[in-house]
C-alpha atoms as a PDB file:
ATOM      1  CA  MET A   1     -81.777-112.671 -74.452  1.00  0.00           C
ATOM      2  CA  GLU A   2     -81.460-113.585 -78.116  1.00  0.00           C
ATOM      3  CA  LEU A   3     -77.835-112.424 -78.343  1.00  0.00           C
ATOM      4  CA  LYS A   4     -76.676-114.664 -75.492  1.00  0.00           C
ATOM      5  CA  LYS A   5     -78.353-117.666 -77.123  1.00  0.00           C
ATOM      6  CA  ALA A   6     -76.789-116.872 -80.496  1.00  0.00           C
ATOM      7  CA  LEU A   7     -73.365-116.434 -78.932  1.00  0.00           C
ATOM      8  CA  SER A   8     -73.578-119.707 -76.986  1.00  0.00           C
ATOM      9  CA  ASP A   9     -74.290-121.572 -80.216  1.00  0.00           C
ATOM     10  CA  ALA A  10     -71.574-119.733 -82.222  1.00  0.00           C
ATOM     11  CA  GLN A  11     -67.970-120.668 -82.810  1.00  0.00           C
ATOM     12  CA  VAL A  12     -65.149-118.232 -82.034  1.00  0.00           C
ATOM     13  CA  GLY A  13     -64.735-115.916 -84.993  1.00  0.00           C
ATOM     14  CA  GLN A  14     -68.274-116.410 -86.193  1.00  0.00           C
ATOM     15  CA  ILE A  15     -70.247-113.351 -87.387  1.00  0.00           C
ATOM     16  CA  ILE A  16     -73.638-112.788 -85.759  1.00  0.00           C
ATOM     17  CA  GLU A  17     -76.334-110.327 -86.914  1.00  0.00           C
ATOM     18  CA  LEU A  18     -79.165-109.416 -84.571  1.00  0.00           C
ATOM     19  CA  GLU A  19     -82.130-107.095 -85.253  1.00  0.00           C
ATOM     20  CA  PHE A  20     -83.922-105.716 -82.236  1.00  0.00           C
ATOM     21  CA  THR A  21     -86.471-103.045 -81.219  1.00  0.00           C
ATOM     22  CA  CYS A  22     -85.730-102.625 -77.482  1.00  0.00           C
ATOM     23  CA  PRO A  23     -84.437 -99.074 -76.853  1.00  0.00           C
ATOM     24  CA  GLU A  24     -82.573-100.162 -73.697  1.00  0.00           C
ATOM     25  CA  ALA A  25     -80.537-102.624 -75.760  1.00  0.00           C
ATOM     26  CA  VAL A  26     -78.996 -99.713 -77.670  1.00  0.00           C
ATOM     27  CA  GLY A  27     -76.878 -99.103 -74.552  1.00  0.00           C
ATOM     28  CA  THR A  28     -76.696-102.540 -73.013  1.00  0.00           C
ATOM     29  CA  LEU A  29     -75.660-104.608 -76.061  1.00  0.00           C
ATOM     30  CA  PRO A  30     -72.414-102.659 -76.722  1.00  0.00           C
ATOM     31  CA  LEU A  31     -71.511-102.944 -73.037  1.00  0.00           C
ATOM     32  CA  TYR A  32     -72.179-106.672 -73.030  1.00  0.00           C
ATOM     33  CA  CYS A  33     -70.028-107.138 -76.120  1.00  0.00           C
ATOM     34  CA  GLN A  34     -67.201-105.109 -74.616  1.00  0.00           C
ATOM     35  CA  GLU A  35     -67.307-107.017 -71.327  1.00  0.00           C
ATOM     36  CA  HIS A  36     -67.210-110.378 -73.174  1.00  0.00           C
ATOM     37  CA  ASN A  37     -64.633-109.425 -75.791  1.00  0.00           C
ATOM     38  CA  HIS A  38     -66.955-109.597 -78.794  1.00  0.00           C
ATOM     39  CA  GLU A  39     -66.018-107.216 -81.634  1.00  0.00           C
ATOM     40  CA  ILE A  40     -68.821-104.995 -82.912  1.00  0.00           C
ATOM     41  CA  LEU A  41     -68.523-104.754 -86.708  1.00  0.00           C
ATOM     42  CA  SER A  42     -71.521-102.472 -87.227  1.00  0.00           C
ATOM     43  CA  PHE A  43     -74.425-101.016 -85.257  1.00  0.00           C
ATOM     44  CA  ASP A  44     -77.080 -99.242 -87.304  1.00  0.00           C
ATOM     45  CA  LYS A  45     -80.571 -97.770 -86.952  1.00  0.00           C
ATOM     46  CA  LEU A  46     -82.985 -99.452 -89.363  1.00  0.00           C
ATOM     47  CA  ASP A  47     -85.318 -97.417 -91.636  1.00  0.00           C
ATOM     48  CA  ARG A  48     -88.234 -98.971 -89.773  1.00  0.00           C
ATOM     49  CA  GLU A  49     -88.365 -99.033 -86.013  1.00  0.00           C
ATOM     50  CA  GLY A  50     -85.360-100.907 -84.605  1.00  0.00           C
ATOM     51  CA  TRP A  51     -81.662-101.450 -84.903  1.00  0.00           C
ATOM     52  CA  VAL A  52     -79.250-104.087 -86.183  1.00  0.00           C
ATOM     53  CA  ILE A  53     -75.942-105.051 -84.623  1.00  0.00           C
ATOM     54  CA  VAL A  54     -73.322-107.194 -86.331  1.00  0.00           C
ATOM     55  CA  LEU A  55     -70.552-108.638 -84.223  1.00  0.00           C
ATOM     56  CA  LYS A  56     -67.812-111.245 -84.215  1.00  0.00           C
ATOM     57  CA  LYS A  57     -67.569-113.691 -81.381  1.00  0.00           C
END
């Protein structure tokens, strides 16, 4: 999972932006962030197919 890799490389407090197209991730990414205490700063549908989530580790 791209988010797990980005988070493992990130420092605490770092902002991470991830674009994705997987519909299942719309539900699973927020749950993952909540379970691991990452703050979701924004979560938006893109004009084209996909979504973008911005979070703070």
